[in-house]
Amino acid sequence: MDQKELKRLVGQSAVAYVKPGEILGVGTGSTVDCFIDALKDSGIDVPACVSSSVRSTKKLQDYGYRVVDLNEVDRIGVYIDGADEIDASFSMIKGGGGALTREKIVASVSDRFVCIADASKKVDVLGQFPLPIEVIPMAVRAVSAEIQRLGGEPVLRDFTTDNGNKILDVHGWKIEDACAWEEKLNQIVGVVTVGLFAHRGADVLLLGTDEGVKTFSR
């Protein structure tokens, strides 16, 4: 089974976690695109969505969904999003698509985080996928120097986030204590946020495998 088909199956499985009549949080990425397609086909009543990216907002609106600003809602029942890596403790690296800050904000106010991913994203130790860090543009050089002092190899991505910031993709780290690293990196002046989702990790993992979609709960 190819990766595209795995993503489609996982996206379909995530629809079961959508609660009719509740505000839905929607992440971004190719697997989330599959979820949005499946959501449309399901016919479930979703009064409004909060989206973590311009990309997802456009896709949702093209399908006729109402997308609202997070400031307009009191709570989000469930947030559906992907991951670039996820470990056994349900800590994740996210931000390959560049929406890590908005994703982290939406996740922080959601009652339940359902992560959808294909089997290649489940790892023993985080860090093989370069860790994205969103940075204020004027601080790129200063933050890069601090990352190098911590043993990382930062590479400036040719990309501007929806927030107008830059992203450093950091190679060379094996992240075994994701919570501690998340705290440490967030303290660097000029960092907006880091693509480690450890303090607010996933609650449920829907993993697409050659044997079908497997469900893991924290």
N, C-alpha and C. Protein backbone atom coordinates (compact mmCIF):
# COMPACT_ATOMS: atom_id res chain seq x y z
N MET A 1 0.85 -1.19 0.00
CA MET A 1 0.00 0.00 0.00
C MET A 1 0.89 1.25 0.00
N ASP A 2 0.67 2.15 -0.95
CA ASP A 2 1.54 3.32 -1.02
C ASP A 2 1.15 4.37 0.02
N GLN A 3 2.06 5.34 0.19
CA GLN A 3 1.87 6.34 1.25
C GLN A 3 0.61 7.18 1.03
N LYS A 4 0.31 7.48 -0.22
CA LYS A 4 -0.88 8.28 -0.53
C LYS A 4 -2.15 7.57 -0.06
N GLU A 5 -2.21 6.25 -0.30
CA GLU A 5 -3.37 5.47 0.12
C GLU A 5 -3.46 5.38 1.64
N LEU A 6 -2.31 5.23 2.31
CA LEU A 6 -2.30 5.21 3.76
C LEU A 6 -2.86 6.50 4.34
N LYS A 7 -2.46 7.62 3.76
CA LYS A 7 -2.94 8.92 4.23
C LYS A 7 -4.45 9.04 4.03
N ARG A 8 -4.93 8.53 2.90
CA ARG A 8 -6.37 8.58 2.63
C ARG A 8 -7.15 7.77 3.67
N LEU A 9 -6.65 6.58 3.99
CA LEU A 9 -7.33 5.73 4.97
C LEU A 9 -7.33 6.35 6.37
N VAL A 10 -6.20 6.95 6.74
CA VAL A 10 -6.11 7.59 8.06
C VAL A 10 -7.04 8.79 8.12
N GLY A 11 -7.09 9.57 7.04
CA GLY A 11 -8.00 10.72 7.00
C GLY A 11 -9.44 10.30 7.17
N GLN A 12 -9.82 9.20 6.54
CA GLN A 12 -11.18 8.68 6.68
C GLN A 12 -11.45 8.24 8.12
N SER A 13 -10.48 7.59 8.75
CA SER A 13 -10.66 7.10 10.12
C SER A 13 -10.85 8.24 11.11
N ALA A 14 -10.20 9.38 10.85
CA ALA A 14 -10.28 10.51 11.77
C ALA A 14 -11.68 11.11 11.84
N VAL A 15 -12.47 10.90 10.81
CA VAL A 15 -13.82 11.46 10.79
C VAL A 15 -14.65 10.94 11.96
N ALA A 16 -14.36 9.72 12.42
CA ALA A 16 -15.11 9.12 13.53
C ALA A 16 -14.96 9.91 14.82
N TYR A 17 -13.93 10.76 14.91
CA TYR A 17 -13.69 11.54 16.13
C TYR A 17 -14.34 12.92 16.09
N VAL A 18 -14.94 13.25 14.96
CA VAL A 18 -15.61 14.55 14.83
C VAL A 18 -16.97 14.48 15.51
N LYS A 19 -17.25 15.44 16.38
CA LYS A 19 -18.50 15.45 17.11
C LYS A 19 -19.49 16.41 16.43
N PRO A 20 -20.60 15.90 15.94
CA PRO A 20 -21.59 16.76 15.27
C PRO A 20 -22.02 17.92 16.17
N GLY A 21 -22.10 19.10 15.59
CA GLY A 21 -22.57 20.27 16.33
C GLY A 21 -21.50 20.99 17.13
N GLU A 22 -20.24 20.48 17.13
CA GLU A 22 -19.17 21.11 17.88
C GLU A 22 -18.16 21.78 16.95
N ILE A 23 -17.54 22.84 17.45
CA ILE A 23 -16.46 23.50 16.72
C ILE A 23 -15.31 22.50 16.54
N LEU A 24 -14.77 22.46 15.33
CA LEU A 24 -13.71 21.50 14.99
C LEU A 24 -12.40 22.23 14.74
N GLY A 25 -11.32 21.74 15.32
CA GLY A 25 -9.99 22.27 15.04
C GLY A 25 -9.35 21.46 13.93
N VAL A 26 -8.80 22.15 12.93
CA VAL A 26 -8.23 21.48 11.76
C VAL A 26 -6.80 21.96 11.55
N GLY A 27 -5.87 21.01 11.45
CA GLY A 27 -4.46 21.34 11.25
C GLY A 27 -4.14 21.55 9.79
N THR A 28 -2.91 21.19 9.41
CA THR A 28 -2.49 21.40 8.03
C THR A 28 -1.56 20.29 7.57
N GLY A 29 -1.44 20.13 6.27
CA GLY A 29 -0.56 19.12 5.71
C GLY A 29 -1.31 18.18 4.78
N SER A 30 -0.57 17.31 4.12
CA SER A 30 -1.16 16.43 3.12
C SER A 30 -2.12 15.40 3.72
N THR A 31 -1.81 14.92 4.92
CA THR A 31 -2.72 13.96 5.57
C THR A 31 -4.00 14.65 6.02
N VAL A 32 -3.86 15.89 6.49
CA VAL A 32 -5.05 16.67 6.88
C VAL A 32 -5.90 16.98 5.65
N ASP A 33 -5.27 17.20 4.50
CA ASP A 33 -6.04 17.40 3.27
C ASP A 33 -6.95 16.20 3.02
N CYS A 34 -6.42 15.00 3.24
CA CYS A 34 -7.22 13.78 3.07
C CYS A 34 -8.37 13.74 4.07
N PHE A 35 -8.10 14.19 5.31
CA PHE A 35 -9.16 14.25 6.32
C PHE A 35 -10.27 15.22 5.90
N ILE A 36 -9.88 16.38 5.39
CA ILE A 36 -10.89 17.37 4.98
C ILE A 36 -11.75 16.81 3.85
N ASP A 37 -11.13 16.10 2.92
CA ASP A 37 -11.90 15.46 1.84
C ASP A 37 -12.91 14.46 2.42
N ALA A 38 -12.45 13.66 3.39
CA ALA A 38 -13.32 12.66 4.00
C ALA A 38 -14.43 13.32 4.82
N LEU A 39 -14.10 14.42 5.48
CA LEU A 39 -15.10 15.15 6.26
C LEU A 39 -16.23 15.64 5.37
N LYS A 40 -15.87 16.17 4.22
CA LYS A 40 -16.88 16.66 3.27
C LYS A 40 -17.80 15.52 2.84
N ASP A 41 -17.21 14.37 2.54
CA ASP A 41 -18.01 13.23 2.09
C ASP A 41 -18.89 12.66 3.20
N SER A 42 -18.51 12.89 4.46
CA SER A 42 -19.25 12.31 5.59
C SER A 42 -20.60 12.96 5.83
N GLY A 43 -20.71 14.24 5.49
CA GLY A 43 -21.96 14.96 5.73
C GLY A 43 -22.20 15.32 7.19
N ILE A 44 -21.21 15.16 8.06
CA ILE A 44 -21.35 15.50 9.48
C ILE A 44 -21.58 16.99 9.64
N ASP A 45 -22.50 17.35 10.54
CA ASP A 45 -22.80 18.76 10.80
C ASP A 45 -21.68 19.40 11.62
N VAL A 46 -20.90 20.25 10.99
CA VAL A 46 -19.85 21.00 11.68
C VAL A 46 -20.20 22.48 11.59
N PRO A 47 -20.61 23.10 12.71
CA PRO A 47 -21.06 24.50 12.65
C PRO A 47 -19.97 25.47 12.23
N ALA A 48 -18.71 25.17 12.60
CA ALA A 48 -17.59 26.03 12.22
C ALA A 48 -16.29 25.30 12.51
N CYS A 49 -15.26 25.74 11.85
CA CYS A 49 -13.91 25.19 12.06
C CYS A 49 -12.96 26.31 12.46
N VAL A 50 -11.95 25.95 13.25
CA VAL A 50 -10.81 26.82 13.50
C VAL A 50 -9.63 26.15 12.80
N SER A 51 -9.00 26.88 11.91
CA SER A 51 -7.93 26.32 11.08
C SER A 51 -6.58 26.87 11.50
N SER A 52 -5.55 26.03 11.34
CA SER A 52 -4.21 26.45 11.75
C SER A 52 -3.37 27.02 10.60
N SER A 53 -3.95 27.10 9.40
CA SER A 53 -3.16 27.63 8.28
C SER A 53 -4.05 28.22 7.21
N VAL A 54 -3.47 29.07 6.41
CA VAL A 54 -4.17 29.65 5.26
C VAL A 54 -4.56 28.54 4.28
N ARG A 55 -3.65 27.59 4.11
CA ARG A 55 -3.90 26.47 3.19
C ARG A 55 -5.15 25.69 3.58
N SER A 56 -5.26 25.29 4.84
CA SER A 56 -6.42 24.53 5.28
C SER A 56 -7.69 25.38 5.26
N THR A 57 -7.54 26.65 5.63
CA THR A 57 -8.70 27.55 5.59
C THR A 57 -9.31 27.60 4.20
N LYS A 58 -8.46 27.74 3.20
CA LYS A 58 -8.96 27.82 1.82
C LYS A 58 -9.66 26.53 1.42
N LYS A 59 -9.07 25.40 1.76
CA LYS A 59 -9.68 24.12 1.38
C LYS A 59 -11.03 23.93 2.07
N LEU A 60 -11.09 24.28 3.35
CA LEU A 60 -12.35 24.16 4.08
C LEU A 60 -13.42 25.09 3.50
N GLN A 61 -13.03 26.31 3.22
CA GLN A 61 -13.99 27.27 2.66
C GLN A 61 -14.45 26.86 1.26
N ASP A 62 -13.55 26.29 0.48
CA ASP A 62 -13.93 25.81 -0.85
C ASP A 62 -15.00 24.73 -0.77
N TYR A 63 -15.01 23.99 0.34
CA TYR A 63 -16.01 22.95 0.55
C TYR A 63 -17.25 23.48 1.27
N GLY A 64 -17.27 24.77 1.56
CA GLY A 64 -18.45 25.38 2.15
C GLY A 64 -18.47 25.43 3.66
N TYR A 65 -17.35 25.08 4.31
CA TYR A 65 -17.30 25.15 5.76
C TYR A 65 -17.03 26.59 6.23
N ARG A 66 -17.64 26.93 7.33
CA ARG A 66 -17.40 28.24 7.95
C ARG A 66 -16.14 28.15 8.80
N VAL A 67 -15.17 29.02 8.55
CA VAL A 67 -13.93 29.04 9.32
C VAL A 67 -13.89 30.32 10.14
N VAL A 68 -13.70 30.18 11.45
CA VAL A 68 -13.74 31.33 12.35
C VAL A 68 -12.40 31.52 13.03
N ASP A 69 -12.18 32.74 13.50
CA ASP A 69 -10.98 33.06 14.26
C ASP A 69 -11.08 32.41 15.64
N LEU A 70 -9.96 31.97 16.16
CA LEU A 70 -9.96 31.31 17.47
C LEU A 70 -10.52 32.21 18.56
N ASN A 71 -10.36 33.51 18.42
CA ASN A 71 -10.88 34.44 19.42
C ASN A 71 -12.41 34.47 19.48
N GLU A 72 -13.05 33.85 18.51
CA GLU A 72 -14.52 33.84 18.47
C GLU A 72 -15.12 32.64 19.19
N VAL A 73 -14.29 31.70 19.65
CA VAL A 73 -14.83 30.49 20.26
C VAL A 73 -14.30 30.32 21.68
N ASP A 74 -15.07 29.64 22.50
CA ASP A 74 -14.68 29.38 23.89
C ASP A 74 -13.88 28.09 24.03
N ARG A 75 -14.18 27.09 23.19
CA ARG A 75 -13.50 25.81 23.31
C ARG A 75 -13.57 25.08 21.98
N ILE A 76 -12.64 24.15 21.81
CA ILE A 76 -12.63 23.25 20.66
C ILE A 76 -12.66 21.83 21.21
N GLY A 77 -13.61 21.05 20.76
CA GLY A 77 -13.75 19.70 21.27
C GLY A 77 -12.62 18.79 20.84
N VAL A 78 -12.33 18.80 19.55
CA VAL A 78 -11.29 17.92 19.02
C VAL A 78 -10.49 18.66 17.96
N TYR A 79 -9.19 18.40 17.95
CA TYR A 79 -8.28 18.97 16.97
C TYR A 79 -7.65 17.82 16.19
N ILE A 80 -7.77 17.86 14.87
CA ILE A 80 -7.22 16.82 14.00
C ILE A 80 -6.03 17.39 13.26
N ASP A 81 -4.87 16.75 13.41
CA ASP A 81 -3.68 17.26 12.74
C ASP A 81 -2.67 16.12 12.56
N GLY A 82 -1.72 16.35 11.69
CA GLY A 82 -0.69 15.36 11.42
C GLY A 82 0.55 15.61 12.26
N ALA A 83 1.63 14.90 11.92
CA ALA A 83 2.91 15.06 12.59
C ALA A 83 4.01 14.65 11.63
N ASP A 84 5.18 15.22 11.82
CA ASP A 84 6.34 14.81 11.04
C ASP A 84 7.05 13.65 11.73
N GLU A 85 6.98 13.60 13.05
CA GLU A 85 7.44 12.47 13.85
C GLU A 85 6.60 12.41 15.12
N ILE A 86 6.42 11.19 15.63
CA ILE A 86 5.74 11.02 16.92
C ILE A 86 6.39 9.83 17.62
N ASP A 87 6.64 9.98 18.93
CA ASP A 87 7.30 8.91 19.68
C ASP A 87 6.31 8.17 20.58
N ALA A 88 6.81 7.25 21.37
CA ALA A 88 5.95 6.40 22.20
C ALA A 88 5.22 7.17 23.28
N SER A 89 5.75 8.33 23.69
CA SER A 89 5.10 9.15 24.71
C SER A 89 4.08 10.11 24.11
N PHE A 90 3.89 10.05 22.77
CA PHE A 90 2.96 10.89 22.04
C PHE A 90 3.47 12.33 21.91
N SER A 91 4.76 12.55 22.16
CA SER A 91 5.39 13.82 21.83
C SER A 91 5.66 13.83 20.32
N MET A 92 5.60 15.02 19.73
CA MET A 92 5.70 15.11 18.27
C MET A 92 6.69 16.19 17.84
N ILE A 93 7.24 16.01 16.65
CA ILE A 93 7.83 17.11 15.89
C ILE A 93 6.84 17.48 14.81
N LYS A 94 6.51 18.77 14.74
CA LYS A 94 5.59 19.29 13.74
C LYS A 94 6.19 20.57 13.16
N GLY A 95 5.67 20.97 12.01
CA GLY A 95 6.14 22.21 11.41
C GLY A 95 6.77 22.05 10.05
N GLY A 96 6.74 20.82 9.51
CA GLY A 96 7.27 20.63 8.17
C GLY A 96 6.56 21.48 7.13
N GLY A 97 5.27 21.76 7.39
CA GLY A 97 4.50 22.61 6.49
C GLY A 97 4.56 24.08 6.86
N GLY A 98 5.24 24.39 7.97
CA GLY A 98 5.45 25.78 8.33
C GLY A 98 4.38 26.42 9.19
N ALA A 99 3.40 25.64 9.67
CA ALA A 99 2.29 26.22 10.44
C ALA A 99 2.38 25.91 11.93
N LEU A 100 3.59 25.64 12.44
CA LEU A 100 3.74 25.13 13.80
C LEU A 100 3.17 26.04 14.88
N THR A 101 3.32 27.36 14.75
CA THR A 101 2.84 28.26 15.82
C THR A 101 1.33 28.22 15.91
N ARG A 102 0.65 28.34 14.79
CA ARG A 102 -0.81 28.31 14.81
C ARG A 102 -1.32 26.93 15.22
N GLU A 103 -0.62 25.89 14.78
CA GLU A 103 -1.00 24.54 15.19
C GLU A 103 -0.89 24.38 16.71
N LYS A 104 0.17 24.90 17.27
CA LYS A 104 0.37 24.76 18.72
C LYS A 104 -0.67 25.55 19.49
N ILE A 105 -1.05 26.71 18.99
CA ILE A 105 -2.08 27.52 19.66
C ILE A 105 -3.42 26.79 19.65
N VAL A 106 -3.82 26.27 18.49
CA VAL A 106 -5.10 25.57 18.41
C VAL A 106 -5.08 24.31 19.29
N ALA A 107 -3.97 23.58 19.25
CA ALA A 107 -3.87 22.37 20.08
C ALA A 107 -4.01 22.69 21.56
N SER A 108 -3.48 23.83 21.98
CA SER A 108 -3.45 24.18 23.40
C SER A 108 -4.84 24.40 23.99
N VAL A 109 -5.81 24.74 23.15
CA VAL A 109 -7.17 25.02 23.65
C VAL A 109 -8.16 23.92 23.27
N SER A 110 -7.66 22.82 22.76
CA SER A 110 -8.54 21.72 22.34
C SER A 110 -8.61 20.65 23.43
N ASP A 111 -9.80 20.12 23.63
CA ASP A 111 -9.99 19.08 24.63
C ASP A 111 -9.26 17.79 24.26
N ARG A 112 -9.22 17.50 22.97
CA ARG A 112 -8.62 16.25 22.50
C ARG A 112 -7.84 16.49 21.22
N PHE A 113 -6.64 15.94 21.16
CA PHE A 113 -5.78 16.07 20.00
C PHE A 113 -5.67 14.68 19.35
N VAL A 114 -6.17 14.57 18.14
CA VAL A 114 -6.07 13.32 17.38
C VAL A 114 -5.02 13.51 16.29
N CYS A 115 -3.94 12.77 16.39
CA CYS A 115 -2.85 12.84 15.42
C CYS A 115 -3.07 11.79 14.34
N ILE A 116 -2.98 12.21 13.09
CA ILE A 116 -3.14 11.29 11.97
C ILE A 116 -1.83 11.23 11.18
N ALA A 117 -1.33 10.02 10.96
CA ALA A 117 -0.01 9.88 10.34
C ALA A 117 0.14 8.51 9.70
N ASP A 118 1.08 8.41 8.78
CA ASP A 118 1.41 7.10 8.24
C ASP A 118 2.54 6.50 9.08
N ALA A 119 2.77 5.21 8.91
CA ALA A 119 3.66 4.46 9.80
C ALA A 119 5.08 5.00 9.83
N SER A 120 5.51 5.66 8.77
CA SER A 120 6.89 6.17 8.72
C SER A 120 7.13 7.27 9.75
N LYS A 121 6.06 7.86 10.29
CA LYS A 121 6.21 8.98 11.23
C LYS A 121 6.41 8.53 12.68
N LYS A 122 6.19 7.25 12.97
CA LYS A 122 6.35 6.76 14.34
C LYS A 122 7.81 6.37 14.56
N VAL A 123 8.45 6.98 15.57
CA VAL A 123 9.88 6.78 15.79
C VAL A 123 10.15 6.46 17.25
N ASP A 124 11.32 5.90 17.50
CA ASP A 124 11.74 5.64 18.88
C ASP A 124 12.27 6.90 19.54
N VAL A 125 13.03 7.70 18.79
CA VAL A 125 13.62 8.94 19.31
C VAL A 125 13.38 10.06 18.29
N LEU A 126 12.86 11.17 18.76
CA LEU A 126 12.63 12.32 17.88
C LEU A 126 13.95 12.93 17.42
N GLY A 127 13.95 13.45 16.20
CA GLY A 127 15.10 14.21 15.75
C GLY A 127 15.66 13.85 14.39
N GLN A 128 15.28 12.70 13.86
CA GLN A 128 15.74 12.40 12.51
C GLN A 128 15.15 13.39 11.53
N PHE A 129 13.89 13.78 11.74
CA PHE A 129 13.28 14.87 10.98
C PHE A 129 13.79 16.18 11.57
N PRO A 130 14.33 17.09 10.76
CA PRO A 130 14.86 18.34 11.30
C PRO A 130 13.79 19.12 12.08
N LEU A 131 14.17 19.63 13.24
CA LEU A 131 13.22 20.32 14.13
C LEU A 131 12.98 21.75 13.65
N PRO A 132 11.75 22.10 13.26
CA PRO A 132 11.46 23.47 12.85
C PRO A 132 11.33 24.40 14.06
N ILE A 133 11.92 25.57 13.94
CA ILE A 133 11.79 26.61 14.96
C ILE A 133 11.40 27.90 14.27
N GLU A 134 10.25 28.47 14.64
CA GLU A 134 9.82 29.74 14.06
C GLU A 134 10.50 30.89 14.79
N VAL A 135 11.05 31.82 14.02
CA VAL A 135 11.92 32.86 14.57
C VAL A 135 11.52 34.23 14.01
N ILE A 136 11.56 35.24 14.88
CA ILE A 136 11.40 36.62 14.42
C ILE A 136 12.53 36.92 13.42
N PRO A 137 12.22 37.51 12.26
CA PRO A 137 13.24 37.69 11.22
C PRO A 137 14.54 38.34 11.68
N MET A 138 14.46 39.38 12.52
CA MET A 138 15.67 40.06 12.92
C MET A 138 16.55 39.23 13.86
N ALA A 139 15.99 38.12 14.36
CA ALA A 139 16.73 37.30 15.33
C ALA A 139 17.32 36.03 14.72
N VAL A 140 17.20 35.87 13.42
CA VAL A 140 17.65 34.63 12.79
C VAL A 140 19.11 34.32 13.11
N ARG A 141 19.98 35.32 12.98
CA ARG A 141 21.41 35.07 13.21
C ARG A 141 21.68 34.76 14.68
N ALA A 142 21.06 35.52 15.57
CA ALA A 142 21.29 35.33 17.00
C ALA A 142 20.77 33.96 17.46
N VAL A 143 19.59 33.59 16.99
CA VAL A 143 19.03 32.29 17.38
C VAL A 143 19.88 31.16 16.79
N SER A 144 20.32 31.33 15.56
CA SER A 144 21.17 30.31 14.94
C SER A 144 22.43 30.07 15.76
N ALA A 145 23.03 31.14 16.25
CA ALA A 145 24.25 31.01 17.05
C ALA A 145 23.98 30.25 18.34
N GLU A 146 22.84 30.51 18.97
CA GLU A 146 22.49 29.82 20.21
C GLU A 146 22.22 28.34 19.96
N ILE A 147 21.57 28.04 18.85
CA ILE A 147 21.30 26.64 18.49
C ILE A 147 22.61 25.89 18.27
N GLN A 148 23.56 26.55 17.61
CA GLN A 148 24.87 25.92 17.39
C GLN A 148 25.58 25.64 18.71
N ARG A 149 25.41 26.53 19.66
CA ARG A 149 26.02 26.32 20.98
C ARG A 149 25.41 25.11 21.68
N LEU A 150 24.17 24.78 21.31
CA LEU A 150 23.48 23.63 21.89
C LEU A 150 23.70 22.36 21.06
N GLY A 151 24.59 22.46 20.09
CA GLY A 151 24.94 21.27 19.32
C GLY A 151 24.09 21.01 18.09
N GLY A 152 23.20 21.94 17.75
CA GLY A 152 22.35 21.77 16.57
C GLY A 152 22.94 22.42 15.34
N GLU A 153 22.45 22.02 14.19
CA GLU A 153 22.89 22.58 12.92
C GLU A 153 21.68 23.24 12.25
N PRO A 154 21.51 24.56 12.43
CA PRO A 154 20.34 25.25 11.89
C PRO A 154 20.50 25.58 10.40
N VAL A 155 19.42 25.36 9.66
CA VAL A 155 19.38 25.71 8.24
C VAL A 155 18.16 26.61 8.03
N LEU A 156 18.40 27.79 7.48
CA LEU A 156 17.30 28.72 7.24
C LEU A 156 16.47 28.24 6.06
N ARG A 157 15.18 28.02 6.29
CA ARG A 157 14.28 27.58 5.24
C ARG A 157 13.90 28.76 4.35
N ASP A 158 13.83 28.55 3.06
CA ASP A 158 13.40 29.60 2.12
C ASP A 158 11.88 29.66 2.16
N PHE A 159 11.38 30.31 3.21
CA PHE A 159 9.94 30.24 3.50
C PHE A 159 9.60 31.34 4.50
N THR A 160 8.42 31.92 4.34
CA THR A 160 7.89 32.87 5.32
C THR A 160 6.57 32.32 5.85
N THR A 161 6.42 32.27 7.16
CA THR A 161 5.21 31.71 7.76
C THR A 161 4.02 32.63 7.55
N ASP A 162 2.82 32.09 7.85
CA ASP A 162 1.61 32.90 7.77
C ASP A 162 1.67 34.08 8.75
N ASN A 163 2.57 34.00 9.74
CA ASN A 163 2.74 35.07 10.72
C ASN A 163 3.81 36.07 10.31
N GLY A 164 4.45 35.86 9.14
CA GLY A 164 5.48 36.78 8.67
C GLY A 164 6.86 36.51 9.23
N ASN A 165 7.06 35.32 9.80
CA ASN A 165 8.34 34.98 10.41
C ASN A 165 9.13 33.99 9.56
N LYS A 166 10.34 33.64 10.02
CA LYS A 166 11.21 32.70 9.33
C LYS A 166 11.26 31.38 10.11
N ILE A 167 11.75 30.35 9.44
CA ILE A 167 11.90 29.04 10.09
C ILE A 167 13.33 28.55 9.95
N LEU A 168 13.88 28.13 11.08
CA LEU A 168 15.15 27.42 11.11
C LEU A 168 14.86 25.94 11.27
N ASP A 169 15.36 25.11 10.37
CA ASP A 169 15.24 23.66 10.49
C ASP A 169 16.54 23.14 11.10
N VAL A 170 16.43 22.53 12.27
CA VAL A 170 17.62 22.14 13.03
C VAL A 170 17.90 20.65 12.88
N HIS A 171 19.09 20.35 12.37
CA HIS A 171 19.56 18.98 12.20
C HIS A 171 20.50 18.61 13.35
N GLY A 172 20.67 17.30 13.56
CA GLY A 172 21.73 16.84 14.44
C GLY A 172 21.37 16.57 15.88
N TRP A 173 20.08 16.74 16.24
CA TRP A 173 19.69 16.48 17.62
C TRP A 173 18.94 15.15 17.71
N LYS A 174 19.20 14.40 18.78
CA LYS A 174 18.36 13.27 19.18
C LYS A 174 17.65 13.71 20.45
N ILE A 175 16.34 13.82 20.38
CA ILE A 175 15.57 14.45 21.46
C ILE A 175 14.86 13.36 22.27
N GLU A 176 15.45 13.02 23.41
CA GLU A 176 14.88 11.98 24.25
C GLU A 176 13.97 12.56 25.33
N ASP A 177 14.27 13.75 25.83
CA ASP A 177 13.41 14.42 26.81
C ASP A 177 12.78 15.62 26.12
N ALA A 178 11.68 15.35 25.41
CA ALA A 178 11.08 16.38 24.56
C ALA A 178 10.53 17.55 25.37
N CYS A 179 9.98 17.28 26.54
CA CYS A 179 9.44 18.37 27.37
C CYS A 179 10.55 19.34 27.79
N ALA A 180 11.67 18.80 28.22
CA ALA A 180 12.79 19.65 28.65
C ALA A 180 13.33 20.47 27.49
N TRP A 181 13.46 19.85 26.32
CA TRP A 181 13.96 20.57 25.16
C TRP A 181 12.98 21.65 24.69
N GLU A 182 11.71 21.35 24.77
CA GLU A 182 10.70 22.34 24.39
C GLU A 182 10.83 23.58 25.27
N GLU A 183 10.98 23.37 26.57
CA GLU A 183 11.12 24.50 27.50
C GLU A 183 12.41 25.27 27.22
N LYS A 184 13.51 24.55 27.03
CA LYS A 184 14.81 25.18 26.81
C LYS A 184 14.80 26.06 25.55
N LEU A 185 14.29 25.52 24.46
CA LEU A 185 14.32 26.23 23.20
C LEU A 185 13.36 27.42 23.17
N ASN A 186 12.24 27.28 23.85
CA ASN A 186 11.28 28.39 23.91
C ASN A 186 11.83 29.59 24.68
N GLN A 187 12.88 29.37 25.48
CA GLN A 187 13.46 30.46 26.25
C GLN A 187 14.47 31.28 25.46
N ILE A 188 14.85 30.83 24.28
CA ILE A 188 15.80 31.59 23.47
C ILE A 188 15.12 32.85 22.94
N VAL A 189 15.71 33.99 23.20
CA VAL A 189 15.12 35.27 22.76
C VAL A 189 15.08 35.31 21.24
N GLY A 190 13.92 35.63 20.70
CA GLY A 190 13.73 35.68 19.26
C GLY A 190 12.96 34.49 18.72
N VAL A 191 12.86 33.42 19.52
CA VAL A 191 12.08 32.25 19.12
C VAL A 191 10.60 32.53 19.36
N VAL A 192 9.79 32.30 18.35
CA VAL A 192 8.34 32.44 18.49
C VAL A 192 7.78 31.17 19.12
N THR A 193 8.09 30.05 18.51
CA THR A 193 7.79 28.75 19.12
C THR A 193 8.61 27.68 18.43
N VAL A 194 8.68 26.54 19.08
CA VAL A 194 9.46 25.41 18.56
C VAL A 194 8.51 24.29 18.17
N GLY A 195 8.88 23.54 17.13
CA GLY A 195 8.01 22.49 16.63
C GLY A 195 8.01 21.21 17.44
N LEU A 196 8.33 21.30 18.72
CA LEU A 196 8.18 20.18 19.64
C LEU A 196 6.82 20.30 20.33
N PHE A 197 5.98 19.30 20.17
CA PHE A 197 4.68 19.26 20.83
C PHE A 197 4.78 18.17 21.88
N ALA A 198 5.28 18.55 23.06
CA ALA A 198 5.51 17.59 24.13
C ALA A 198 4.62 17.89 25.33
N HIS A 199 4.63 19.14 25.81
CA HIS A 199 3.74 19.51 26.92
C HIS A 199 2.28 19.32 26.52
N ARG A 200 1.98 19.61 25.25
CA ARG A 200 0.64 19.32 24.73
C ARG A 200 0.83 18.36 23.55
N GLY A 201 1.02 17.07 23.88
CA GLY A 201 1.18 16.07 22.84
C GLY A 201 -0.18 15.55 22.38
N ALA A 202 -0.15 14.50 21.59
CA ALA A 202 -1.39 13.91 21.09
C ALA A 202 -2.06 13.07 22.17
N ASP A 203 -3.37 12.95 22.07
CA ASP A 203 -4.14 12.05 22.94
C ASP A 203 -4.42 10.73 22.25
N VAL A 204 -4.61 10.79 20.95
CA VAL A 204 -4.90 9.61 20.13
C VAL A 204 -4.01 9.67 18.90
N LEU A 205 -3.47 8.51 18.51
CA LEU A 205 -2.71 8.40 17.26
C LEU A 205 -3.41 7.41 16.34
N LEU A 206 -3.77 7.87 15.16
CA LEU A 206 -4.29 7.00 14.12
C LEU A 206 -3.16 6.79 13.11
N LEU A 207 -2.65 5.58 13.06
CA LEU A 207 -1.45 5.30 12.28
C LEU A 207 -1.79 4.41 11.09
N GLY A 208 -1.48 4.91 9.90
CA GLY A 208 -1.72 4.13 8.70
C GLY A 208 -0.60 3.14 8.45
N THR A 209 -0.92 1.86 8.44
CA THR A 209 0.07 0.81 8.22
C THR A 209 -0.40 -0.10 7.07
N ASP A 210 0.48 -0.98 6.64
CA ASP A 210 0.11 -1.92 5.57
C ASP A 210 -0.99 -2.88 6.02
N GLU A 211 -1.17 -3.00 7.33
CA GLU A 211 -2.25 -3.85 7.87
C GLU A 211 -3.54 -3.05 8.13
N GLY A 212 -3.53 -1.79 7.75
CA GLY A 212 -4.68 -0.94 7.98
C GLY A 212 -4.37 0.15 9.02
N VAL A 213 -5.40 0.84 9.46
CA VAL A 213 -5.23 1.93 10.42
C VAL A 213 -5.23 1.37 11.83
N LYS A 214 -4.16 1.65 12.57
CA LYS A 214 -4.06 1.23 13.96
C LYS A 214 -4.28 2.42 14.87
N THR A 215 -5.00 2.18 15.97
CA THR A 215 -5.33 3.24 16.92
C THR A 215 -4.53 3.05 18.20
N PHE A 216 -3.87 4.13 18.63
CA PHE A 216 -3.14 4.15 19.88
C PHE A 216 -3.67 5.29 20.73
N SER A 217 -3.88 5.05 22.02
CA SER A 217 -4.36 6.09 22.92
C SER A 217 -3.39 6.29 24.07
N ARG A 218 -3.26 7.53 24.50
CA ARG A 218 -2.35 7.82 25.61
C ARG A 218 -3.06 7.49 26.92
